[in-house]
Every structure is written in structure tokens, then in C-alpha cells.
Amino acid sequence: MKGIAANGSGFVLPLPRFVFHPLTAVTIASIHAYLSLSHLSELVTGQVQWEHIWKGFGALFGAYAFAALATRGMLARRQQAAAVAHKTLPMCSVRALREWCRKEDSNP
């Protein structure tokens, strides 16, 4: 399993690799949004119960999290495609970029 680092501490989400694919993340986010709407609509119609509150807002936050994963995955794929097309490094340190430029300049 592979994850996306949440912060500099090295914490990695314990999710399977396919979850980080943008299409899968969008699908899971849309399911969460549907479930959220079904529970929050019960609140709007007057059935104020603890179950609808926590399930509705929990699903809404789940939809937000998976939408964020989807956009992050789409951005990573776009940067990777641009790097291949333009022979650039997507995200790197200044030192790595300088070494790469020296290597490119030395090649005819």
C-alpha cells in the first residue's frame, strides 16, 4: 500500500493505492455527498435526530476529504504529464534542479 504524506512528520494514510486514483476518489466523494444529502434533508424536513446529524455531517466531511484527494491526484498526474512533455522535474529542491540542468547542458 502506498499513501500520500499528510505533513512533514511522515504520517501516511493507510489506504490502498487505488483509492488515490482521481476517478475512484471522485466516485467515493459523490457517494458520500449523496449519503450526506439524504441525512441532511431529514434534518431540514424537521426530523431532528442525533443519527441524522452525525451521519449527515460525517458523510459531508467524507465527501470533502475524498474530493481533496481527487483534486490532489489530478494535479499530480497533470504535473507528471507536463514534466514528461517538457523534460522537467515536477517538484524538487533547488539543488536537484541545478544538477539536472548541468546534466542537460552537458548532453549534446
N, C-alpha and C. Protein backbone atom coordinates (compact mmCIF):
# COMPACT_ATOMS: atom_id res chain seq x y z
N MET A 1 0.84 -1.18 0.00
CA MET A 1 0.00 0.00 0.00
C MET A 1 0.88 1.24 0.00
N LYS A 2 0.39 2.26 -0.66
CA LYS A 2 1.13 3.49 -0.77
C LYS A 2 0.19 4.63 -0.41
N GLY A 3 0.69 5.66 0.25
CA GLY A 3 -0.16 6.77 0.66
C GLY A 3 0.45 8.10 0.32
N ILE A 4 -0.28 9.14 0.61
CA ILE A 4 0.18 10.50 0.40
C ILE A 4 0.49 11.08 1.77
N ALA A 5 1.67 11.64 1.93
CA ALA A 5 2.06 12.18 3.22
C ALA A 5 1.16 13.34 3.61
N ALA A 6 0.69 13.31 4.85
CA ALA A 6 -0.21 14.36 5.32
C ALA A 6 0.55 15.60 5.76
N ASN A 7 1.72 15.41 6.33
CA ASN A 7 2.54 16.55 6.75
C ASN A 7 3.99 16.11 6.81
N GLY A 8 4.84 16.96 7.32
CA GLY A 8 6.27 16.67 7.34
C GLY A 8 6.68 15.60 8.33
N SER A 9 5.77 15.14 9.18
CA SER A 9 6.13 14.16 10.19
C SER A 9 6.25 12.75 9.62
N GLY A 10 5.88 12.55 8.37
CA GLY A 10 5.98 11.24 7.75
C GLY A 10 4.72 10.40 7.90
N PHE A 11 3.64 10.96 8.43
CA PHE A 11 2.38 10.25 8.57
C PHE A 11 1.81 9.94 7.19
N VAL A 12 1.45 8.70 6.97
CA VAL A 12 0.90 8.28 5.68
C VAL A 12 -0.47 7.66 5.93
N LEU A 13 -1.44 8.05 5.12
CA LEU A 13 -2.78 7.48 5.26
C LEU A 13 -2.75 6.00 4.89
N PRO A 14 -3.33 5.13 5.71
CA PRO A 14 -3.31 3.69 5.42
C PRO A 14 -4.43 3.28 4.46
N LEU A 15 -4.38 3.78 3.25
CA LEU A 15 -5.39 3.46 2.26
C LEU A 15 -4.73 2.75 1.08
N PRO A 16 -5.45 1.85 0.42
CA PRO A 16 -4.89 1.18 -0.76
C PRO A 16 -4.61 2.18 -1.89
N ARG A 17 -3.71 1.83 -2.75
CA ARG A 17 -3.27 2.72 -3.83
C ARG A 17 -4.41 3.15 -4.74
N PHE A 18 -5.37 2.25 -5.02
CA PHE A 18 -6.44 2.58 -5.96
C PHE A 18 -7.35 3.70 -5.44
N VAL A 19 -7.39 3.91 -4.13
CA VAL A 19 -8.22 4.98 -3.57
C VAL A 19 -7.67 6.34 -3.97
N PHE A 20 -6.36 6.44 -4.19
CA PHE A 20 -5.74 7.70 -4.55
C PHE A 20 -5.88 8.03 -6.03
N HIS A 21 -6.41 7.11 -6.82
CA HIS A 21 -6.67 7.40 -8.23
C HIS A 21 -7.81 8.42 -8.29
N PRO A 22 -7.67 9.46 -9.10
CA PRO A 22 -8.69 10.53 -9.11
C PRO A 22 -10.10 10.05 -9.40
N LEU A 23 -10.27 9.13 -10.33
CA LEU A 23 -11.62 8.66 -10.67
C LEU A 23 -12.26 7.92 -9.50
N THR A 24 -11.49 7.10 -8.81
CA THR A 24 -12.01 6.38 -7.65
C THR A 24 -12.37 7.36 -6.53
N ALA A 25 -11.49 8.34 -6.29
CA ALA A 25 -11.75 9.32 -5.24
C ALA A 25 -12.99 10.15 -5.54
N VAL A 26 -13.19 10.51 -6.81
CA VAL A 26 -14.39 11.27 -7.19
C VAL A 26 -15.64 10.41 -6.99
N THR A 27 -15.56 9.14 -7.32
CA THR A 27 -16.70 8.24 -7.13
C THR A 27 -17.05 8.12 -5.65
N ILE A 28 -16.05 7.92 -4.81
CA ILE A 28 -16.29 7.80 -3.37
C ILE A 28 -16.83 9.11 -2.81
N ALA A 29 -16.31 10.25 -3.30
CA ALA A 29 -16.79 11.56 -2.84
C ALA A 29 -18.25 11.77 -3.23
N SER A 30 -18.63 11.34 -4.43
CA SER A 30 -20.02 11.52 -4.85
C SER A 30 -20.96 10.64 -4.05
N ILE A 31 -20.53 9.44 -3.69
CA ILE A 31 -21.35 8.57 -2.84
C ILE A 31 -21.53 9.21 -1.46
N HIS A 32 -20.45 9.77 -0.91
CA HIS A 32 -20.55 10.45 0.38
C HIS A 32 -21.49 11.66 0.29
N ALA A 33 -21.42 12.41 -0.81
CA ALA A 33 -22.30 13.57 -0.97
C ALA A 33 -23.77 13.13 -1.03
N TYR A 34 -24.04 12.04 -1.74
CA TYR A 34 -25.40 11.52 -1.82
C TYR A 34 -25.91 11.11 -0.43
N LEU A 35 -25.08 10.38 0.31
CA LEU A 35 -25.49 9.96 1.65
C LEU A 35 -25.69 11.16 2.57
N SER A 36 -24.84 12.16 2.42
CA SER A 36 -24.96 13.37 3.23
C SER A 36 -26.28 14.09 2.94
N LEU A 37 -26.61 14.22 1.66
CA LEU A 37 -27.86 14.90 1.30
C LEU A 37 -29.08 14.16 1.83
N SER A 38 -29.03 12.83 1.81
CA SER A 38 -30.18 12.08 2.29
C SER A 38 -30.40 12.29 3.79
N HIS A 39 -29.32 12.36 4.56
CA HIS A 39 -29.48 12.57 6.01
C HIS A 39 -29.75 14.02 6.35
N LEU A 40 -29.11 14.95 5.67
CA LEU A 40 -29.33 16.36 5.98
C LEU A 40 -30.72 16.81 5.53
N SER A 41 -31.28 16.18 4.50
CA SER A 41 -32.64 16.52 4.08
C SER A 41 -33.65 16.11 5.16
N GLU A 42 -33.34 15.05 5.89
CA GLU A 42 -34.20 14.65 7.01
C GLU A 42 -34.20 15.73 8.09
N LEU A 43 -33.05 16.36 8.30
CA LEU A 43 -32.99 17.45 9.28
C LEU A 43 -33.80 18.65 8.84
N VAL A 44 -33.74 18.95 7.55
CA VAL A 44 -34.46 20.11 7.01
C VAL A 44 -35.97 19.90 7.11
N THR A 45 -36.41 18.67 6.92
CA THR A 45 -37.86 18.40 6.97
C THR A 45 -38.39 18.34 8.40
N GLY A 46 -37.52 18.45 9.40
CA GLY A 46 -38.00 18.53 10.77
C GLY A 46 -37.70 17.32 11.63
N GLN A 47 -37.12 16.28 11.08
CA GLN A 47 -36.78 15.10 11.89
C GLN A 47 -35.39 15.29 12.49
N VAL A 48 -35.33 16.09 13.53
CA VAL A 48 -34.04 16.38 14.16
C VAL A 48 -33.71 15.23 15.11
N GLN A 49 -32.83 14.37 14.65
CA GLN A 49 -32.35 13.23 15.44
C GLN A 49 -30.83 13.21 15.38
N TRP A 50 -30.25 12.72 16.45
CA TRP A 50 -28.80 12.67 16.53
C TRP A 50 -28.21 11.85 15.37
N GLU A 51 -28.90 10.79 14.98
CA GLU A 51 -28.41 9.93 13.90
C GLU A 51 -28.26 10.70 12.59
N HIS A 52 -29.23 11.53 12.25
CA HIS A 52 -29.17 12.30 11.01
C HIS A 52 -28.10 13.38 11.08
N ILE A 53 -27.87 13.91 12.27
CA ILE A 53 -26.84 14.96 12.42
C ILE A 53 -25.46 14.38 12.17
N TRP A 54 -25.11 13.32 12.91
CA TRP A 54 -23.74 12.82 12.78
C TRP A 54 -23.51 12.09 11.48
N LYS A 55 -24.49 11.40 10.95
CA LYS A 55 -24.31 10.73 9.67
C LYS A 55 -24.27 11.73 8.52
N GLY A 56 -25.11 12.76 8.58
CA GLY A 56 -25.15 13.76 7.53
C GLY A 56 -23.86 14.56 7.45
N PHE A 57 -23.41 15.09 8.60
CA PHE A 57 -22.19 15.88 8.58
C PHE A 57 -20.94 15.01 8.43
N GLY A 58 -20.98 13.80 8.94
CA GLY A 58 -19.86 12.88 8.75
C GLY A 58 -19.66 12.53 7.28
N ALA A 59 -20.76 12.26 6.60
CA ALA A 59 -20.68 11.97 5.17
C ALA A 59 -20.26 13.20 4.38
N LEU A 60 -20.69 14.38 4.82
CA LEU A 60 -20.29 15.62 4.16
C LEU A 60 -18.78 15.84 4.29
N PHE A 61 -18.23 15.61 5.47
CA PHE A 61 -16.79 15.74 5.66
C PHE A 61 -16.03 14.66 4.88
N GLY A 62 -16.61 13.47 4.78
CA GLY A 62 -16.01 12.41 3.97
C GLY A 62 -15.97 12.79 2.50
N ALA A 63 -17.04 13.41 2.02
CA ALA A 63 -17.07 13.87 0.63
C ALA A 63 -15.99 14.91 0.39
N TYR A 64 -15.81 15.81 1.35
CA TYR A 64 -14.78 16.85 1.24
C TYR A 64 -13.39 16.21 1.19
N ALA A 65 -13.14 15.24 2.06
CA ALA A 65 -11.82 14.60 2.12
C ALA A 65 -11.50 13.88 0.81
N PHE A 66 -12.45 13.14 0.28
CA PHE A 66 -12.19 12.41 -0.96
C PHE A 66 -12.15 13.33 -2.17
N ALA A 67 -12.88 14.44 -2.14
CA ALA A 67 -12.76 15.42 -3.21
C ALA A 67 -11.36 16.05 -3.18
N ALA A 68 -10.84 16.29 -1.98
CA ALA A 68 -9.49 16.83 -1.86
C ALA A 68 -8.46 15.83 -2.38
N LEU A 69 -8.65 14.55 -2.09
CA LEU A 69 -7.74 13.52 -2.62
C LEU A 69 -7.82 13.46 -4.14
N ALA A 70 -9.02 13.62 -4.68
CA ALA A 70 -9.18 13.56 -6.14
C ALA A 70 -8.48 14.72 -6.81
N THR A 71 -8.65 15.93 -6.27
CA THR A 71 -8.00 17.08 -6.90
C THR A 71 -6.49 17.01 -6.75
N ARG A 72 -6.03 16.48 -5.63
CA ARG A 72 -4.59 16.31 -5.44
C ARG A 72 -4.03 15.30 -6.43
N GLY A 73 -4.77 14.22 -6.65
CA GLY A 73 -4.34 13.22 -7.63
C GLY A 73 -4.35 13.75 -9.05
N MET A 74 -5.37 14.56 -9.38
CA MET A 74 -5.43 15.14 -10.72
C MET A 74 -4.27 16.10 -10.95
N LEU A 75 -3.94 16.89 -9.94
CA LEU A 75 -2.84 17.83 -10.05
C LEU A 75 -1.51 17.09 -10.21
N ALA A 76 -1.32 16.01 -9.45
CA ALA A 76 -0.09 15.24 -9.55
C ALA A 76 0.06 14.62 -10.93
N ARG A 77 -1.04 14.09 -11.46
CA ARG A 77 -0.98 13.50 -12.81
C ARG A 77 -0.70 14.56 -13.87
N ARG A 78 -1.30 15.74 -13.72
CA ARG A 78 -1.07 16.82 -14.67
C ARG A 78 0.39 17.29 -14.62
N GLN A 79 0.94 17.42 -13.41
CA GLN A 79 2.34 17.82 -13.28
C GLN A 79 3.27 16.76 -13.85
N GLN A 80 2.94 15.50 -13.64
CA GLN A 80 3.77 14.42 -14.16
C GLN A 80 3.73 14.42 -15.69
N ALA A 81 2.58 14.64 -16.28
CA ALA A 81 2.47 14.67 -17.74
C ALA A 81 3.23 15.87 -18.30
N ALA A 82 3.15 17.01 -17.62
CA ALA A 82 3.88 18.20 -18.08
C ALA A 82 5.38 17.98 -17.96
N ALA A 83 5.80 17.29 -16.90
CA ALA A 83 7.23 17.04 -16.72
C ALA A 83 7.77 16.13 -17.82
N VAL A 84 7.00 15.14 -18.21
CA VAL A 84 7.43 14.24 -19.28
C VAL A 84 7.45 14.97 -20.61
N ALA A 85 6.44 15.80 -20.85
CA ALA A 85 6.35 16.51 -22.12
C ALA A 85 7.44 17.57 -22.28
N HIS A 86 7.79 18.22 -21.19
CA HIS A 86 8.76 19.31 -21.26
C HIS A 86 10.13 18.94 -20.70
N LYS A 87 10.31 17.68 -20.33
CA LYS A 87 11.56 17.20 -19.74
C LYS A 87 11.97 18.05 -18.54
N THR A 88 11.04 18.25 -17.63
CA THR A 88 11.34 18.99 -16.42
C THR A 88 11.10 18.12 -15.21
N LEU A 89 11.57 18.56 -14.09
CA LEU A 89 11.31 17.88 -12.84
C LEU A 89 10.07 18.50 -12.20
N PRO A 90 9.07 17.70 -11.79
CA PRO A 90 7.83 18.26 -11.31
C PRO A 90 7.97 19.10 -10.03
N MET A 91 8.46 18.53 -8.98
CA MET A 91 8.64 19.23 -7.71
C MET A 91 9.95 18.75 -7.12
N CYS A 92 10.91 19.63 -7.00
CA CYS A 92 12.19 19.19 -6.49
C CYS A 92 12.88 20.33 -5.78
N SER A 93 13.98 20.00 -5.15
CA SER A 93 14.77 21.01 -4.46
C SER A 93 15.59 21.80 -5.47
N VAL A 94 16.10 22.93 -5.04
CA VAL A 94 16.92 23.76 -5.91
C VAL A 94 18.19 23.02 -6.31
N ARG A 95 18.76 22.29 -5.36
CA ARG A 95 19.98 21.53 -5.64
C ARG A 95 19.74 20.49 -6.72
N ALA A 96 18.64 19.75 -6.62
CA ALA A 96 18.34 18.73 -7.62
C ALA A 96 18.09 19.38 -8.98
N LEU A 97 17.44 20.53 -8.99
CA LEU A 97 17.19 21.22 -10.25
C LEU A 97 18.50 21.69 -10.88
N ARG A 98 19.43 22.21 -10.09
CA ARG A 98 20.73 22.63 -10.63
C ARG A 98 21.50 21.45 -11.21
N GLU A 99 21.50 20.33 -10.50
CA GLU A 99 22.21 19.14 -11.00
C GLU A 99 21.57 18.66 -12.30
N TRP A 100 20.25 18.69 -12.37
CA TRP A 100 19.57 18.26 -13.58
C TRP A 100 19.90 19.18 -14.75
N CYS A 101 19.95 20.50 -14.49
CA CYS A 101 20.28 21.46 -15.55
C CYS A 101 21.71 21.25 -16.03
N ARG A 102 22.63 20.99 -15.13
CA ARG A 102 24.02 20.74 -15.52
C ARG A 102 24.10 19.50 -16.41
N LYS A 103 23.37 18.48 -16.04
CA LYS A 103 23.37 17.24 -16.80
C LYS A 103 22.77 17.47 -18.20
N GLU A 104 21.70 18.24 -18.29
CA GLU A 104 21.07 18.54 -19.57
C GLU A 104 21.99 19.40 -20.44
N ASP A 105 22.71 20.34 -19.83
CA ASP A 105 23.62 21.21 -20.59
C ASP A 105 24.81 20.44 -21.12
N SER A 106 25.26 19.41 -20.39
CA SER A 106 26.43 18.65 -20.83
C SER A 106 26.07 17.66 -21.93
N ASN A 107 24.80 17.27 -22.04
CA ASN A 107 24.37 16.37 -23.10
C ASN A 107 24.16 17.16 -24.39
N PRO A 108 24.70 16.67 -25.52
CA PRO A 108 24.52 17.40 -26.80
C PRO A 108 23.13 17.26 -27.35
